[in-house]
């Protein structure tokens, strides 16, 4: 009985963790240093969205 619940839990946790790999939003963390470097790798195949992300980061940095 516990094995069945464990298997269901593992499947649910895996699907949640896989779903977390989405395009990052421009915020203070993603627009600074290592966060910026990691965020830009998500846009390696879409130059327009990458530039839009960089522009939003520049706006955030100017506001701060």
N, C-alpha and C. Protein backbone atom coordinates (compact mmCIF):
# COMPACT_ATOMS: atom_id res chain seq x y z
N UNK A 1 0.81 -1.18 0.00
CA UNK A 1 0.00 0.00 0.00
C UNK A 1 0.87 1.27 0.00
N UNK A 2 1.91 1.31 0.82
CA UNK A 2 2.78 2.47 0.87
C UNK A 2 3.55 2.66 -0.43
N UNK A 3 3.89 1.56 -1.09
CA UNK A 3 4.61 1.64 -2.35
C UNK A 3 3.77 2.34 -3.42
N UNK A 4 2.47 2.06 -3.42
CA UNK A 4 1.58 2.69 -4.40
C UNK A 4 1.52 4.20 -4.16
N UNK A 5 1.39 4.62 -2.91
CA UNK A 5 1.34 6.06 -2.61
C UNK A 5 2.68 6.73 -2.89
N UNK A 6 3.77 6.02 -2.65
CA UNK A 6 5.09 6.57 -2.94
C UNK A 6 5.28 6.79 -4.43
N UNK A 7 4.83 5.82 -5.22
CA UNK A 7 4.95 5.93 -6.67
C UNK A 7 4.14 7.11 -7.19
N UNK A 8 2.94 7.28 -6.69
CA UNK A 8 2.09 8.40 -7.10
C UNK A 8 2.74 9.72 -6.69
N UNK A 9 3.28 9.77 -5.49
CA UNK A 9 3.95 10.98 -5.03
C UNK A 9 5.15 11.35 -5.87
N UNK A 10 5.94 10.36 -6.25
CA UNK A 10 7.12 10.60 -7.08
C UNK A 10 6.71 11.13 -8.45
N UNK A 11 5.68 10.55 -9.03
CA UNK A 11 5.20 11.00 -10.34
C UNK A 11 4.70 12.43 -10.26
N UNK A 12 3.97 12.78 -9.23
CA UNK A 12 3.44 14.13 -9.08
C UNK A 12 4.57 15.13 -8.86
N UNK A 13 5.52 14.79 -8.01
CA UNK A 13 6.64 15.68 -7.75
C UNK A 13 7.49 15.89 -9.00
N UNK A 14 7.69 14.85 -9.76
CA UNK A 14 8.46 14.96 -11.00
C UNK A 14 7.77 15.87 -12.00
N UNK A 15 6.46 15.75 -12.12
CA UNK A 15 5.75 16.60 -13.07
C UNK A 15 5.79 18.06 -12.64
N UNK A 16 5.73 18.32 -11.35
CA UNK A 16 5.82 19.70 -10.86
C UNK A 16 7.20 20.26 -11.14
N UNK A 17 8.24 19.50 -10.88
CA UNK A 17 9.60 19.98 -11.09
C UNK A 17 9.91 20.19 -12.57
N UNK A 18 9.40 19.33 -13.41
CA UNK A 18 9.61 19.50 -14.85
C UNK A 18 8.88 20.74 -15.34
N UNK A 19 7.72 21.04 -14.80
CA UNK A 19 6.95 22.21 -15.18
C UNK A 19 7.59 23.52 -14.75
N UNK A 20 8.58 23.46 -13.86
CA UNK A 20 9.22 24.68 -13.38
C UNK A 20 10.24 25.24 -14.36
N UNK A 21 10.53 24.55 -15.41
CA UNK A 21 11.52 25.00 -16.37
C UNK A 21 10.86 25.87 -17.43
N UNK A 22 10.53 27.10 -17.04
CA UNK A 22 9.87 28.01 -17.97
C UNK A 22 10.76 29.21 -18.24
N UNK A 23 10.29 30.09 -19.07
CA UNK A 23 11.05 31.29 -19.42
C UNK A 23 11.08 32.22 -18.21
N UNK A 24 12.25 32.69 -17.82
CA UNK A 24 12.34 33.55 -16.65
C UNK A 24 11.76 34.94 -16.90
N UNK A 25 11.27 35.55 -15.83
CA UNK A 25 10.73 36.90 -15.91
C UNK A 25 11.82 37.90 -15.54
N UNK A 26 11.69 39.08 -16.07
CA UNK A 26 12.65 40.13 -15.75
C UNK A 26 12.33 40.68 -14.37
N UNK A 27 13.21 40.44 -13.41
CA UNK A 27 13.09 41.00 -12.08
C UNK A 27 14.49 41.30 -11.55
N UNK A 28 14.57 41.82 -10.35
CA UNK A 28 15.86 42.24 -9.81
C UNK A 28 16.86 41.09 -9.71
N UNK A 29 16.39 39.90 -9.40
CA UNK A 29 17.29 38.75 -9.26
C UNK A 29 17.78 38.27 -10.62
N UNK A 30 16.87 38.16 -11.58
CA UNK A 30 17.24 37.65 -12.91
C UNK A 30 17.98 38.68 -13.75
N UNK A 31 18.01 39.92 -13.33
CA UNK A 31 18.66 40.96 -14.11
C UNK A 31 20.02 41.37 -13.54
N UNK A 32 20.54 40.61 -12.62
CA UNK A 32 21.82 40.97 -12.01
C UNK A 32 22.76 39.76 -12.00
N UNK A 33 23.97 39.99 -12.43
CA UNK A 33 25.06 39.01 -12.32
C UNK A 33 24.74 37.62 -12.83
N UNK A 34 24.89 36.67 -11.93
CA UNK A 34 24.72 35.26 -12.28
C UNK A 34 23.29 34.95 -12.71
N UNK A 35 22.31 35.63 -12.13
CA UNK A 35 20.92 35.43 -12.52
C UNK A 35 20.69 35.81 -13.97
N UNK A 36 21.31 36.89 -14.40
CA UNK A 36 21.20 37.35 -15.79
C UNK A 36 21.81 36.32 -16.73
N UNK A 37 22.98 35.82 -16.36
CA UNK A 37 23.67 34.84 -17.18
C UNK A 37 22.82 33.57 -17.34
N UNK A 38 22.24 33.11 -16.25
CA UNK A 38 21.41 31.91 -16.28
C UNK A 38 20.11 32.15 -17.05
N UNK A 39 19.51 33.32 -16.87
CA UNK A 39 18.25 33.63 -17.55
C UNK A 39 18.43 33.73 -19.06
N UNK A 40 19.54 34.28 -19.50
CA UNK A 40 19.75 34.46 -20.94
C UNK A 40 19.93 33.13 -21.67
N UNK A 41 20.35 32.09 -20.97
CA UNK A 41 20.48 30.78 -21.63
C UNK A 41 19.11 30.23 -22.03
N UNK A 42 18.06 30.66 -21.37
CA UNK A 42 16.71 30.21 -21.72
C UNK A 42 16.24 30.80 -23.05
N UNK A 43 16.87 31.88 -23.48
CA UNK A 43 16.48 32.57 -24.72
C UNK A 43 17.44 32.31 -25.88
N UNK A 44 18.23 31.25 -25.82
CA UNK A 44 19.26 31.06 -26.83
C UNK A 44 18.71 30.81 -28.23
N UNK A 45 17.44 30.39 -28.36
CA UNK A 45 16.87 30.13 -29.68
C UNK A 45 15.88 31.20 -30.13
N UNK A 46 15.69 32.24 -29.33
CA UNK A 46 14.71 33.28 -29.66
C UNK A 46 15.31 34.65 -29.36
N UNK A 47 15.92 35.23 -30.38
CA UNK A 47 16.63 36.50 -30.22
C UNK A 47 15.70 37.65 -29.87
N UNK A 48 14.48 37.66 -30.40
CA UNK A 48 13.55 38.75 -30.12
C UNK A 48 13.16 38.77 -28.64
N UNK A 49 12.83 37.61 -28.08
CA UNK A 49 12.47 37.54 -26.67
C UNK A 49 13.68 37.82 -25.78
N UNK A 50 14.84 37.44 -26.24
CA UNK A 50 16.07 37.71 -25.49
C UNK A 50 16.31 39.22 -25.39
N UNK A 51 16.14 39.92 -26.50
CA UNK A 51 16.32 41.36 -26.50
C UNK A 51 15.26 42.05 -25.66
N UNK A 52 14.03 41.55 -25.71
CA UNK A 52 12.96 42.11 -24.90
C UNK A 52 13.28 41.95 -23.40
N UNK A 53 13.81 40.79 -23.03
CA UNK A 53 14.22 40.54 -21.65
C UNK A 53 15.32 41.52 -21.22
N UNK A 54 16.30 41.71 -22.08
CA UNK A 54 17.40 42.63 -21.77
C UNK A 54 16.88 44.06 -21.62
N UNK A 55 15.95 44.47 -22.48
CA UNK A 55 15.37 45.82 -22.39
C UNK A 55 14.62 46.01 -21.07
N UNK A 56 13.86 45.00 -20.65
CA UNK A 56 13.14 45.09 -19.38
C UNK A 56 14.12 45.17 -18.22
N UNK A 57 15.21 44.43 -18.31
CA UNK A 57 16.22 44.47 -17.26
C UNK A 57 16.86 45.86 -17.17
N UNK A 58 17.10 46.47 -18.31
CA UNK A 58 17.68 47.82 -18.31
C UNK A 58 16.72 48.82 -17.67
N UNK A 59 15.42 48.66 -17.93
CA UNK A 59 14.42 49.53 -17.30
C UNK A 59 14.41 49.33 -15.78
N UNK A 60 14.49 48.08 -15.34
CA UNK A 60 14.49 47.78 -13.91
C UNK A 60 15.73 48.36 -13.25
N UNK A 61 16.88 48.22 -13.91
CA UNK A 61 18.13 48.74 -13.34
C UNK A 61 18.13 50.25 -13.27
N UNK A 62 17.52 50.93 -14.25
CA UNK A 62 17.43 52.39 -14.22
C UNK A 62 16.51 52.86 -13.10
N UNK A 63 15.46 52.11 -12.84
CA UNK A 63 14.51 52.48 -11.80
C UNK A 63 15.12 52.33 -10.41
N UNK A 64 16.04 51.40 -10.28
CA UNK A 64 16.67 51.19 -8.97
C UNK A 64 17.86 52.07 -8.88
